[in-house]
N, C-alpha and C. Protein backbone atom coordinates (compact mmCIF):
# COMPACT_ATOMS: atom_id res chain seq x y z
N UNK A 1 0.66 -1.37 0.03
CA UNK A 1 0.19 0.00 -0.14
C UNK A 1 0.86 1.24 0.06
N UNK A 2 0.92 2.04 -1.15
CA UNK A 2 1.48 3.25 -1.01
C UNK A 2 1.14 4.35 -0.18
N UNK A 3 1.98 5.20 0.58
CA UNK A 3 1.69 6.52 1.45
C UNK A 3 2.02 7.37 0.54
N UNK A 4 1.11 8.32 0.81
CA UNK A 4 1.26 9.62 0.10
C UNK A 4 2.07 10.55 0.90
N UNK A 5 2.91 11.07 -0.07
CA UNK A 5 4.26 12.41 0.69
C UNK A 5 4.00 13.55 -0.29
N UNK A 6 4.26 14.72 0.33
CA UNK A 6 4.42 15.97 -0.11
C UNK A 6 5.03 16.11 -1.31
N UNK A 7 5.82 15.48 -1.51
CA UNK A 7 6.73 15.56 -2.73
C UNK A 7 6.10 14.68 -3.82
N UNK A 8 6.13 15.08 -5.24
CA UNK A 8 5.45 14.09 -6.21
C UNK A 8 6.43 12.80 -6.34
N UNK A 9 7.77 13.12 -6.15
CA UNK A 9 8.25 11.91 -5.94
C UNK A 9 9.14 11.59 -4.86
N UNK A 10 8.92 10.53 -3.90
CA UNK A 10 9.70 10.83 -2.60
C UNK A 10 11.21 10.42 -2.77
N UNK A 11 11.97 10.95 -1.68
CA UNK A 11 13.31 10.51 -1.83
C UNK A 11 13.63 9.64 -0.73
N UNK A 12 15.06 9.05 -0.81
CA UNK A 12 15.53 8.51 0.33
C UNK A 12 15.46 9.36 1.65
N UNK A 13 15.81 10.53 1.65
CA UNK A 13 15.54 11.40 2.76
C UNK A 13 14.17 11.18 3.09
N UNK A 14 13.29 11.45 2.49
CA UNK A 14 12.01 11.41 2.99
C UNK A 14 11.54 10.16 3.58
N UNK A 15 11.78 9.00 2.98
CA UNK A 15 11.71 7.62 3.55
C UNK A 15 12.37 7.54 4.74
N UNK A 16 13.57 8.10 5.04
CA UNK A 16 14.28 7.98 6.37
C UNK A 16 13.69 8.76 7.36
N UNK A 17 13.04 10.19 6.97
CA UNK A 17 12.43 10.82 7.99
C UNK A 17 11.23 10.23 8.38
N UNK A 18 10.54 9.69 7.36
CA UNK A 18 9.01 8.81 7.68
C UNK A 18 9.23 7.73 8.42
N UNK A 19 10.37 6.96 8.25
CA UNK A 19 10.69 5.79 9.15
C UNK A 19 11.05 5.94 10.40
N UNK A 20 11.64 7.04 10.81
CA UNK A 20 12.10 7.33 12.18
C UNK A 20 10.51 7.81 12.98
N UNK A 21 9.57 7.97 12.40
CA UNK A 21 8.36 8.50 12.81
C UNK A 21 7.03 7.28 12.60
N UNK A 22 7.58 6.26 11.95
CA UNK A 22 6.41 5.24 11.90
C UNK A 22 6.84 4.04 12.67
N UNK A 23 5.80 3.25 12.70
CA UNK A 23 5.98 1.94 13.56
C UNK A 23 6.04 0.80 12.40
N UNK A 24 6.13 1.19 11.05
CA UNK A 24 5.56 0.22 9.95
C UNK A 24 7.09 -0.02 9.00
N UNK A 25 7.26 -1.14 8.50
CA UNK A 25 8.50 -1.12 7.81
C UNK A 25 8.11 -0.72 6.35
N UNK A 26 8.95 0.27 5.74
CA UNK A 26 8.44 1.03 4.39
C UNK A 26 9.67 0.78 3.74
N UNK A 27 9.55 0.74 2.53
CA UNK A 27 10.55 0.82 1.50
C UNK A 27 10.22 2.03 0.23
N UNK A 28 11.18 2.13 -0.63
CA UNK A 28 11.05 3.12 -1.56
C UNK A 28 11.26 2.56 -2.54
N UNK A 29 10.40 2.67 -3.50
CA UNK A 29 10.09 1.69 -5.01
C UNK A 29 9.88 2.90 -6.04
N UNK A 30 10.84 3.36 -6.57
CA UNK A 30 11.06 4.27 -7.87
C UNK A 30 10.09 5.45 -7.52
N UNK A 31 10.71 5.88 -6.24
CA UNK A 31 9.92 7.25 -5.63
C UNK A 31 8.84 7.04 -5.04
N UNK A 32 8.38 6.03 -4.99
CA UNK A 32 6.84 5.72 -4.15
C UNK A 32 7.20 5.01 -2.81
N UNK A 33 6.60 5.82 -1.57
CA UNK A 33 7.01 5.00 -0.38
C UNK A 33 6.01 3.76 -0.44
N UNK A 34 6.21 2.65 -0.10
CA UNK A 34 5.41 1.22 0.24
C UNK A 34 5.39 0.86 1.46
N UNK A 35 4.63 0.26 2.01
CA UNK A 35 4.25 -0.01 3.38
C UNK A 35 4.42 -1.34 3.20
N UNK A 36 5.46 -2.06 4.06
CA UNK A 36 5.39 -3.43 4.08
C UNK A 36 4.80 -3.95 5.17
N UNK A 37 4.13 -5.19 4.70
CA UNK A 37 3.16 -5.85 5.89
C UNK A 37 4.38 -6.73 6.89
N UNK A 38 3.81 -6.34 8.49
CA UNK A 38 4.59 -7.53 9.35
C UNK A 38 4.62 -8.75 8.75
N UNK A 39 5.98 -9.34 9.20
CA UNK A 39 5.73 -10.87 8.85
C UNK A 39 5.54 -11.79 9.89
N UNK A 40 5.24 -12.97 9.23
CA UNK A 40 4.35 -14.04 10.54
C UNK A 40 5.73 -14.48 11.50
N UNK A 41 5.27 -15.05 12.34
CA UNK A 41 6.31 -16.01 13.18
C UNK A 41 7.22 -16.67 12.59
N UNK A 42 6.59 -17.55 11.83
CA UNK A 42 7.76 -18.76 11.08
C UNK A 42 8.33 -17.75 10.15
N UNK A 43 7.89 -16.86 9.50
CA UNK A 43 8.70 -16.12 8.59
C UNK A 43 10.17 -15.76 9.24
N UNK A 44 9.89 -14.91 10.43
CA UNK A 44 10.86 -14.38 11.47
C UNK A 44 11.49 -15.19 11.82
N UNK A 45 11.10 -16.28 12.38
CA UNK A 45 12.04 -17.69 12.81
C UNK A 45 13.16 -18.04 11.68
N UNK A 46 12.48 -18.19 10.31
CA UNK A 46 13.36 -19.01 9.56
C UNK A 46 14.53 -17.72 8.99
N UNK A 47 13.96 -16.59 8.89
CA UNK A 47 15.17 -15.52 8.52
C UNK A 47 15.99 -15.57 9.68
N UNK A 48 15.53 -15.41 11.08
CA UNK A 48 16.48 -15.64 11.84
C UNK A 48 17.57 -16.71 12.02
N UNK A 49 17.16 -17.93 11.79
CA UNK A 49 17.66 -18.96 11.55
C UNK A 49 19.01 -19.13 10.62
N UNK A 50 18.50 -18.43 9.65
CA UNK A 50 19.27 -18.35 8.13
C UNK A 50 20.68 -17.16 8.66
N UNK A 51 20.30 -16.29 9.27
CA UNK A 51 21.14 -15.23 9.94
C UNK A 51 22.19 -15.88 10.95
N UNK A 52 21.92 -16.65 11.49
CA UNK A 52 22.49 -17.53 12.62
C UNK A 52 23.52 -18.54 11.84
N UNK A 53 23.01 -18.96 10.71
CA UNK A 53 24.00 -20.06 10.06
C UNK A 53 25.02 -19.31 9.33
N UNK A 54 24.76 -18.38 8.39
CA UNK A 54 25.48 -17.53 7.86
C UNK A 54 26.47 -16.66 8.82
N UNK A 55 26.21 -16.13 9.98
CA UNK A 55 26.99 -15.48 10.71
C UNK A 55 28.11 -16.59 11.52
N UNK A 56 27.74 -17.85 11.84
CA UNK A 56 28.60 -18.76 12.25
C UNK A 56 29.59 -18.93 11.23
N UNK A 57 29.39 -18.96 10.05
CA UNK A 57 30.34 -19.16 9.12
C UNK A 57 31.34 -17.81 8.68
N UNK A 58 30.86 -16.55 8.82
CA UNK A 58 31.40 -15.14 8.27
C UNK A 58 32.27 -14.64 9.71
N UNK A 59 31.60 -14.59 10.72
CA UNK A 59 32.16 -13.83 11.69
C UNK A 59 33.51 -14.54 12.15
N UNK A 60 33.44 -15.71 12.37
CA UNK A 60 35.04 -16.28 12.88
C UNK A 60 36.19 -15.82 11.73
N UNK A 61 35.71 -15.65 10.26
CA UNK A 61 36.68 -15.54 9.49
C UNK A 61 36.64 -13.96 9.11
N UNK A 62 35.98 -13.01 9.79
CA UNK A 62 35.88 -11.50 9.27
C UNK A 62 35.64 -11.34 8.20
N UNK A 63 34.59 -11.74 7.41
CA UNK A 63 34.34 -11.66 6.23
C UNK A 63 33.52 -10.61 5.63
N UNK A 64 32.68 -9.92 6.75
CA UNK A 64 31.74 -8.64 6.22
C UNK A 64 30.73 -8.74 7.63
N UNK A 65 29.85 -7.91 6.75
CA UNK A 65 28.68 -7.70 7.85
C UNK A 65 27.33 -8.36 7.79
N UNK A 66 26.68 -8.76 8.60
CA UNK A 66 25.31 -9.41 8.39
C UNK A 66 24.43 -8.23 8.78
N UNK A 67 23.25 -7.89 8.05
CA UNK A 67 22.21 -6.77 8.22
C UNK A 67 20.76 -7.51 8.43
N UNK A 68 20.12 -7.15 9.18
CA UNK A 68 18.74 -7.73 9.62
C UNK A 68 17.75 -7.24 8.74
N UNK A 69 16.30 -7.32 8.72
CA UNK A 69 15.60 -6.91 7.81
C UNK A 69 15.03 -5.28 7.60
N UNK A 70 15.55 -4.98 8.81
CA UNK A 70 14.70 -3.57 8.91
C UNK A 70 15.97 -2.54 8.06
N UNK A 71 17.21 -2.94 7.57
CA UNK A 71 18.09 -2.14 7.03
C UNK A 71 18.01 -1.67 5.58
N UNK A 72 17.83 -0.64 5.42
CA UNK A 72 17.54 0.11 3.97
C UNK A 72 18.76 -0.13 3.13
N UNK A 73 18.84 -0.63 1.92
CA UNK A 73 20.01 -0.39 1.27
C UNK A 73 19.46 0.50 -0.34
N UNK A 74 20.27 1.62 -0.48
CA UNK A 74 19.90 2.43 -1.61
C UNK A 74 20.65 1.87 -2.71
N UNK A 75 19.95 1.35 -3.70
CA UNK A 75 19.92 0.87 -4.61
C UNK A 75 20.33 1.62 -5.86
N UNK A 76 19.52 2.63 -6.24
CA UNK A 76 19.83 3.85 -7.10
C UNK A 76 18.90 5.05 -6.75
N UNK A 77 19.21 6.24 -7.36
CA UNK A 77 18.85 7.37 -7.47
C UNK A 77 18.15 7.89 -8.43
N UNK A 78 17.24 8.80 -8.38
CA UNK A 78 16.19 9.31 -9.43
C UNK A 78 15.44 8.51 -10.37
N UNK A 79 14.70 7.80 -10.03
CA UNK A 79 13.89 7.75 -8.75
C UNK A 79 14.35 6.98 -7.75
N UNK A 80 14.52 7.13 -6.62
CA UNK A 80 15.45 6.62 -5.92
C UNK A 80 14.73 5.08 -5.22
N UNK A 81 15.25 4.34 -5.18
CA UNK A 81 15.05 2.85 -4.83
C UNK A 81 15.58 2.29 -3.75
N UNK A 82 15.12 2.05 -2.44
CA UNK A 82 15.84 1.65 -1.32
C UNK A 82 14.79 0.41 -0.79
N UNK A 83 15.47 -0.71 -0.79
CA UNK A 83 14.94 -1.93 -0.32
C UNK A 83 15.65 -2.26 1.00
N UNK A 84 14.78 -3.38 1.86
CA UNK A 84 15.16 -3.84 2.87
C UNK A 84 14.98 -5.38 2.75
N UNK A 85 15.94 -6.08 2.75
CA UNK A 85 15.64 -7.61 2.36
C UNK A 85 15.48 -8.40 3.83
N UNK A 86 15.41 -9.43 3.90
CA UNK A 86 15.18 -10.33 5.26
C UNK A 86 16.59 -10.41 6.12
N UNK A 87 17.48 -10.68 5.07
CA UNK A 87 19.25 -10.92 5.71
C UNK A 87 19.76 -10.37 4.38
N UNK A 88 21.15 -9.47 4.87
CA UNK A 88 21.65 -9.06 3.54
C UNK A 88 23.23 -9.40 4.04
N UNK A 89 24.18 -9.63 3.55
CA UNK A 89 25.31 -9.61 4.02
C UNK A 89 26.25 -8.74 2.89
N UNK A 90 27.50 -8.12 3.47
CA UNK A 90 28.35 -7.16 2.76
C UNK A 90 29.42 -7.41 2.89
N UNK A 91 30.56 -7.71 1.92
CA UNK A 91 31.82 -8.02 2.34
C UNK A 91 32.79 -6.82 3.10
N UNK A 92 33.41 -7.09 3.90
CA UNK A 92 34.07 -6.35 4.36
C UNK A 92 35.10 -5.21 3.67
N UNK A 93 35.51 -5.92 2.90
CA UNK A 93 36.22 -4.75 1.59
C UNK A 93 35.42 -3.77 1.25
N UNK A 94 34.00 -4.16 1.12
CA UNK A 94 33.13 -3.16 0.53
C UNK A 94 32.70 -2.05 1.44
N UNK A 95 32.50 -2.47 2.71
CA UNK A 95 31.83 -1.97 3.71
C UNK A 95 32.55 -2.10 5.30
N UNK A 96 33.76 -1.72 5.49
CA UNK A 96 34.38 -2.00 6.77
C UNK A 96 33.31 -1.79 8.09
N UNK A 97 33.42 -2.50 8.89
CA UNK A 97 32.52 -2.13 10.40
C UNK A 97 32.59 -0.65 10.53
N UNK A 98 33.74 0.02 10.56
CA UNK A 98 33.71 1.42 11.11
C UNK A 98 33.12 2.37 10.42
N UNK A 99 32.54 1.61 8.89
CA UNK A 99 32.08 2.68 7.89
C UNK A 99 30.57 2.63 7.83
N UNK A 100 29.73 1.88 8.71
CA UNK A 100 28.35 1.33 8.70
C UNK A 100 27.73 2.71 8.94
N UNK A 101 26.81 3.07 8.00
CA UNK A 101 26.24 4.41 8.43
C UNK A 101 25.00 4.38 9.23
N UNK A 102 24.54 5.54 9.77
CA UNK A 102 23.27 5.54 10.57
C UNK A 102 22.12 5.64 9.69
N UNK A 103 22.23 6.06 8.82
CA UNK A 103 21.35 5.86 7.80
C UNK A 103 21.17 4.73 6.73
N UNK A 104 20.71 4.95 5.28
CA UNK A 104 20.48 3.82 4.46
C UNK A 104 21.86 3.43 4.13
N UNK A 105 22.03 2.31 3.67
CA UNK A 105 23.41 1.91 3.25
C UNK A 105 23.29 2.24 1.46
N UNK A 106 24.31 2.90 1.14
CA UNK A 106 24.13 3.13 -0.41
C UNK A 106 24.99 2.56 -1.09
N UNK A 107 24.42 1.05 -1.22
CA UNK A 107 25.09 -0.12 -2.01
C UNK A 107 24.43 -1.31 -2.13
N UNK A 108 24.61 -1.88 -3.08
CA UNK A 108 24.00 -3.36 -3.18
C UNK A 108 24.73 -4.41 -2.27
N UNK A 109 23.63 -4.89 -1.44
CA UNK A 109 24.89 -6.13 -0.53
C UNK A 109 25.41 -7.10 -1.79
N UNK A 110 26.19 -7.87 -1.16
CA UNK A 110 27.01 -8.85 -1.96
C UNK A 110 25.88 -10.09 -2.05
N UNK A 111 24.94 -10.35 -1.29
CA UNK A 111 24.44 -11.42 -0.88
C UNK A 111 23.26 -11.11 -0.10
N UNK A 112 21.85 -11.67 -0.52
CA UNK A 112 20.68 -11.20 0.21
C UNK A 112 19.76 -12.35 0.19
N UNK A 113 18.89 -12.42 1.34
CA UNK A 113 18.15 -13.43 1.45
C UNK A 113 16.74 -13.03 1.52
N UNK A 114 15.89 -13.48 0.69
CA UNK A 114 14.09 -12.93 0.78
C UNK A 114 13.38 -14.28 1.17
N UNK A 115 12.73 -14.36 2.21
CA UNK A 115 12.04 -15.26 2.83
C UNK A 115 10.60 -14.66 2.29
N UNK A 116 9.82 -15.71 1.48
CA UNK A 116 8.38 -15.39 1.02
C UNK A 116 7.62 -15.56 2.28
N UNK A 117 6.66 -14.59 2.21
CA UNK A 117 5.30 -14.83 3.06
C UNK A 117 4.20 -15.18 2.26
N UNK A 118 3.19 -15.72 2.65
CA UNK A 118 1.72 -16.41 2.17
C UNK A 118 1.52 -15.15 1.50
N UNK A 119 1.72 -13.93 1.83
CA UNK A 119 0.71 -12.89 1.36
C UNK A 119 1.63 -12.27 0.19
N UNK A 120 2.80 -12.55 -0.18
CA UNK A 120 3.70 -12.02 -1.21
C UNK A 120 3.04 -12.82 -2.60
N UNK A 121 3.06 -11.68 -3.71
CA UNK A 121 2.63 -12.29 -4.92
C UNK A 121 3.89 -12.58 -5.68
N UNK A 122 3.87 -13.38 -6.65
CA UNK A 122 5.13 -13.91 -7.30
C UNK A 122 5.47 -12.60 -8.21
N UNK A 123 4.84 -11.56 -8.84
CA UNK A 123 5.42 -10.59 -9.27
C UNK A 123 5.97 -9.76 -8.32
N UNK A 124 5.70 -9.64 -7.22
CA UNK A 124 6.26 -8.77 -6.17
C UNK A 124 7.71 -9.33 -5.66
N UNK A 125 7.70 -10.72 -5.76
CA UNK A 125 8.87 -11.56 -5.24
C UNK A 125 9.85 -11.20 -6.60
N UNK A 126 9.65 -11.53 -7.78
CA UNK A 126 10.22 -11.35 -8.94
C UNK A 126 10.72 -9.91 -9.04
N UNK A 127 10.04 -8.92 -8.59
CA UNK A 127 10.52 -7.51 -8.97
C UNK A 127 11.43 -7.24 -7.82
N UNK A 128 11.62 -7.73 -6.55
CA UNK A 128 12.58 -7.62 -5.76
C UNK A 128 13.88 -8.31 -5.86
N UNK A 129 13.81 -9.55 -6.58
CA UNK A 129 15.06 -10.31 -6.86
C UNK A 129 15.45 -9.46 -8.14
N UNK A 130 14.82 -8.94 -9.02
CA UNK A 130 15.35 -8.25 -10.01
C UNK A 130 16.08 -6.97 -9.67
N UNK A 131 15.52 -6.38 -8.94
CA UNK A 131 16.26 -4.90 -8.33
C UNK A 131 17.46 -5.37 -7.59
N UNK A 132 17.43 -6.38 -7.03
CA UNK A 132 18.77 -6.86 -6.13
C UNK A 132 19.77 -7.08 -7.12
N UNK A 133 19.41 -7.87 -8.31
CA UNK A 133 20.34 -8.27 -9.07
C UNK A 133 21.06 -7.01 -10.29
N UNK A 134 19.79 -6.42 -10.61
CA UNK A 134 20.06 -5.24 -11.35
C UNK A 134 21.24 -3.92 -10.70
N UNK A 135 21.11 -4.16 -9.41
CA UNK A 135 21.86 -3.22 -8.46
C UNK A 135 23.15 -3.71 -8.33
N UNK A 136 23.66 -4.85 -8.62
CA UNK A 136 24.89 -5.57 -8.47
C UNK A 136 25.04 -6.64 -7.27
N UNK A 137 23.76 -6.84 -6.78
CA UNK A 137 23.85 -8.26 -5.80
C UNK A 137 24.31 -9.25 -6.53
N UNK A 138 25.26 -10.14 -5.95
CA UNK A 138 26.21 -11.20 -6.56
C UNK A 138 25.09 -12.39 -6.67
N UNK A 139 24.50 -12.64 -5.39
CA UNK A 139 23.58 -13.88 -5.23
C UNK A 139 22.50 -13.63 -4.25
N UNK A 140 21.37 -13.90 -4.51
CA UNK A 140 20.06 -13.91 -3.67
C UNK A 140 19.29 -15.36 -3.75
N UNK A 141 19.00 -15.34 -2.51
CA UNK A 141 18.31 -16.75 -2.07
C UNK A 141 17.04 -16.45 -2.05
N UNK A 142 16.07 -17.15 -2.41
CA UNK A 142 14.53 -16.93 -2.48
C UNK A 142 14.08 -18.10 -1.68
N UNK A 143 13.74 -17.91 -0.35
CA UNK A 143 13.01 -19.21 0.39
C UNK A 143 11.77 -19.14 0.44
N UNK A 144 11.26 -20.15 0.23
CA UNK A 144 9.83 -20.81 0.36
C UNK A 144 9.56 -21.66 1.31
N UNK A 145 8.94 -20.85 2.76
CA UNK A 145 8.87 -21.94 3.76
C UNK A 145 7.76 -22.98 3.42
N UNK A 146 6.70 -22.75 2.81
CA UNK A 146 5.64 -23.43 2.82
C UNK A 146 6.07 -24.78 2.08
N UNK A 147 6.94 -24.71 1.09
CA UNK A 147 7.60 -26.03 0.28
C UNK A 147 9.14 -26.42 0.67
N UNK A 148 9.64 -25.52 1.19
CA UNK A 148 10.87 -25.91 1.70
C UNK A 148 12.04 -25.91 0.93
N UNK A 149 11.85 -24.83 0.07
CA UNK A 149 12.59 -24.87 -1.25
C UNK A 149 12.96 -23.66 -1.36
N UNK A 150 14.35 -23.45 -1.76
CA UNK A 150 15.01 -22.25 -2.18
C UNK A 150 15.56 -22.35 -3.56
N UNK A 151 15.42 -20.83 -4.06
CA UNK A 151 15.80 -20.66 -5.23
C UNK A 151 17.27 -19.68 -5.24
N UNK A 152 18.21 -20.49 -5.77
CA UNK A 152 19.20 -19.32 -5.93
C UNK A 152 19.90 -18.52 -7.09
N UNK A 153 19.68 -17.20 -6.97
CA UNK A 153 19.84 -16.54 -8.20
C UNK A 153 21.18 -15.91 -8.17
N UNK A 154 22.05 -16.32 -9.47
CA UNK A 154 23.49 -15.67 -9.62
C UNK A 154 23.21 -14.67 -10.83
N UNK A 155 22.38 -14.41 -11.13
CA UNK A 155 22.09 -13.34 -12.31
C UNK A 155 20.54 -13.47 -12.79
N UNK A 156 20.51 -12.78 -13.41
CA UNK A 156 19.01 -12.60 -14.06
C UNK A 156 18.76 -13.82 -14.69
N UNK A 157 19.69 -14.69 -15.53
CA UNK A 157 19.13 -15.84 -16.17
C UNK A 157 19.77 -16.97 -15.40
N UNK A 158 20.40 -17.08 -14.47
CA UNK A 158 21.06 -18.20 -13.79
C UNK A 158 20.20 -18.13 -12.36
N UNK A 159 19.25 -19.42 -12.34
CA UNK A 159 18.55 -19.83 -11.10
C UNK A 159 18.67 -21.37 -10.97
N UNK A 160 18.93 -21.60 -9.86
CA UNK A 160 18.94 -23.00 -9.38
C UNK A 160 18.08 -23.31 -8.28
N UNK A 161 17.20 -24.29 -8.54
CA UNK A 161 16.22 -24.80 -7.22
C UNK A 161 16.83 -25.81 -6.49
N UNK A 162 16.69 -25.65 -5.03
CA UNK A 162 17.27 -26.43 -3.95
C UNK A 162 16.01 -27.08 -3.18
N UNK A 163 15.88 -28.33 -2.87
CA UNK A 163 14.96 -28.93 -2.10
C UNK A 163 15.55 -29.02 -0.57
N UNK A 164 14.51 -30.04 0.11
CA UNK A 164 15.02 -30.20 1.72
C UNK A 164 16.26 -30.82 1.78
N UNK A 165 16.92 -31.87 0.92
CA UNK A 165 18.02 -32.91 0.79
C UNK A 165 18.89 -32.25 0.48
N UNK A 166 18.71 -31.10 -0.51
CA UNK A 166 19.94 -30.17 -1.21
C UNK A 166 20.96 -29.75 -0.26
N UNK A 167 21.94 -29.17 -0.85
CA UNK A 167 22.80 -28.13 -0.41
C UNK A 167 22.85 -26.85 -1.06
N UNK A 168 22.92 -25.76 0.02
CA UNK A 168 22.96 -24.52 -0.35
C UNK A 168 24.37 -23.76 -0.46
N UNK A 169 24.56 -22.98 -1.34
CA UNK A 169 25.89 -22.65 -1.37
C UNK A 169 25.95 -20.92 -1.46
N UNK A 170 26.70 -19.78 -1.19
CA UNK A 170 26.82 -18.75 -1.58
C UNK A 170 27.64 -18.22 -2.31
N UNK A 171 28.29 -19.11 -3.37
CA UNK A 171 29.26 -18.75 -4.23
C UNK A 171 28.92 -17.52 -5.11
N UNK A 172 29.55 -16.89 -5.22
CA UNK A 172 31.04 -16.77 -5.12
C UNK A 172 31.52 -15.59 -4.14
N UNK A 173 30.44 -15.10 -3.26
CA UNK A 173 30.66 -14.12 -2.09
C UNK A 173 30.99 -14.93 -1.21
N UNK A 174 30.47 -16.25 -0.79
CA UNK A 174 31.18 -16.87 0.73
C UNK A 174 31.91 -18.32 0.00
N UNK A 175 32.99 -18.45 -0.32
CA UNK A 175 33.78 -19.27 -0.97
C UNK A 175 33.69 -20.46 0.17
N UNK A 176 33.24 -21.87 0.00
CA UNK A 176 33.55 -22.68 1.06
C UNK A 176 32.26 -22.79 1.87
N UNK A 177 31.32 -21.58 2.12
CA UNK A 177 30.01 -21.83 2.74
C UNK A 177 28.85 -22.95 2.23
N UNK A 178 28.65 -23.92 3.22
CA UNK A 178 27.85 -24.86 2.69
C UNK A 178 26.50 -24.94 3.83
N UNK A 179 25.41 -25.37 3.76
CA UNK A 179 24.48 -25.79 4.68
C UNK A 179 23.47 -26.48 3.78
N UNK A 180 22.52 -27.49 4.22
CA UNK A 180 21.71 -28.26 3.87
C UNK A 180 20.43 -27.67 4.19
N UNK A 181 19.55 -27.50 3.05
CA UNK A 181 18.49 -26.63 3.04
C UNK A 181 17.30 -26.96 4.26
N UNK A 182 17.39 -28.24 4.56
CA UNK A 182 16.62 -28.63 6.03
C UNK A 182 16.91 -27.97 7.09
N UNK A 183 18.40 -27.67 7.10
CA UNK A 183 18.99 -26.96 8.33
C UNK A 183 18.45 -25.68 8.81
N UNK A 184 18.19 -24.91 7.36
CA UNK A 184 17.63 -23.46 7.59
C UNK A 184 16.19 -23.35 8.17
N UNK A 185 15.50 -24.74 7.96
CA UNK A 185 14.06 -24.74 8.39
C UNK A 185 13.88 -25.49 9.90
N UNK A 186 15.01 -25.55 10.58
CA UNK A 186 15.22 -26.22 11.95
C UNK A 186 15.23 -25.33 12.60
N UNK A 187 14.58 -25.79 14.30
CA UNK A 187 14.93 -24.66 15.14
C UNK A 187 16.07 -24.19 15.64
N UNK A 188 16.13 -22.97 16.07
CA UNK A 188 17.31 -22.50 16.45
C UNK A 188 17.81 -23.04 17.86
N UNK A 189 19.01 -23.26 18.19
CA UNK A 189 19.14 -23.58 19.89
C UNK A 189 19.66 -25.12 19.79
């Protein structure tokens, strides 16, 4: 659902100002501020579990930084596009920890995870994937909790489907990282 702003096309600065006053998750899609529905418990649990698994691999190796769902990434300007994935990873050579801004991060993450909610339309999911890849994200995982499948996107025309017994990777961003699909759907702890 779009929220009206005073400007004909909202900017990232408008979004940042509104976000600080709103209890809703917001994104900016080609100049239009869009309200994101809150996610359900299963969605949040799976996103958290994926973050834990990625963190267990990246943190001891000092590979970069993981960002949670509310983190906005400025993907382009005029019109402004700010997206917030469920999980994002940026390598340390692109964004050292000491350089993480208070506002939106003005780059595309190297690796993005989008957990699909029952209310998401196929078109909306595909648009988000395309936005990430066109902005320079090297790999996008699209996670479908209902079917316990994951699609790995390594470009607009390179898609791989993984099922429960298959293994996931995050090549070329995280060489050597491997996790079985069923592990990301298991309880944390």
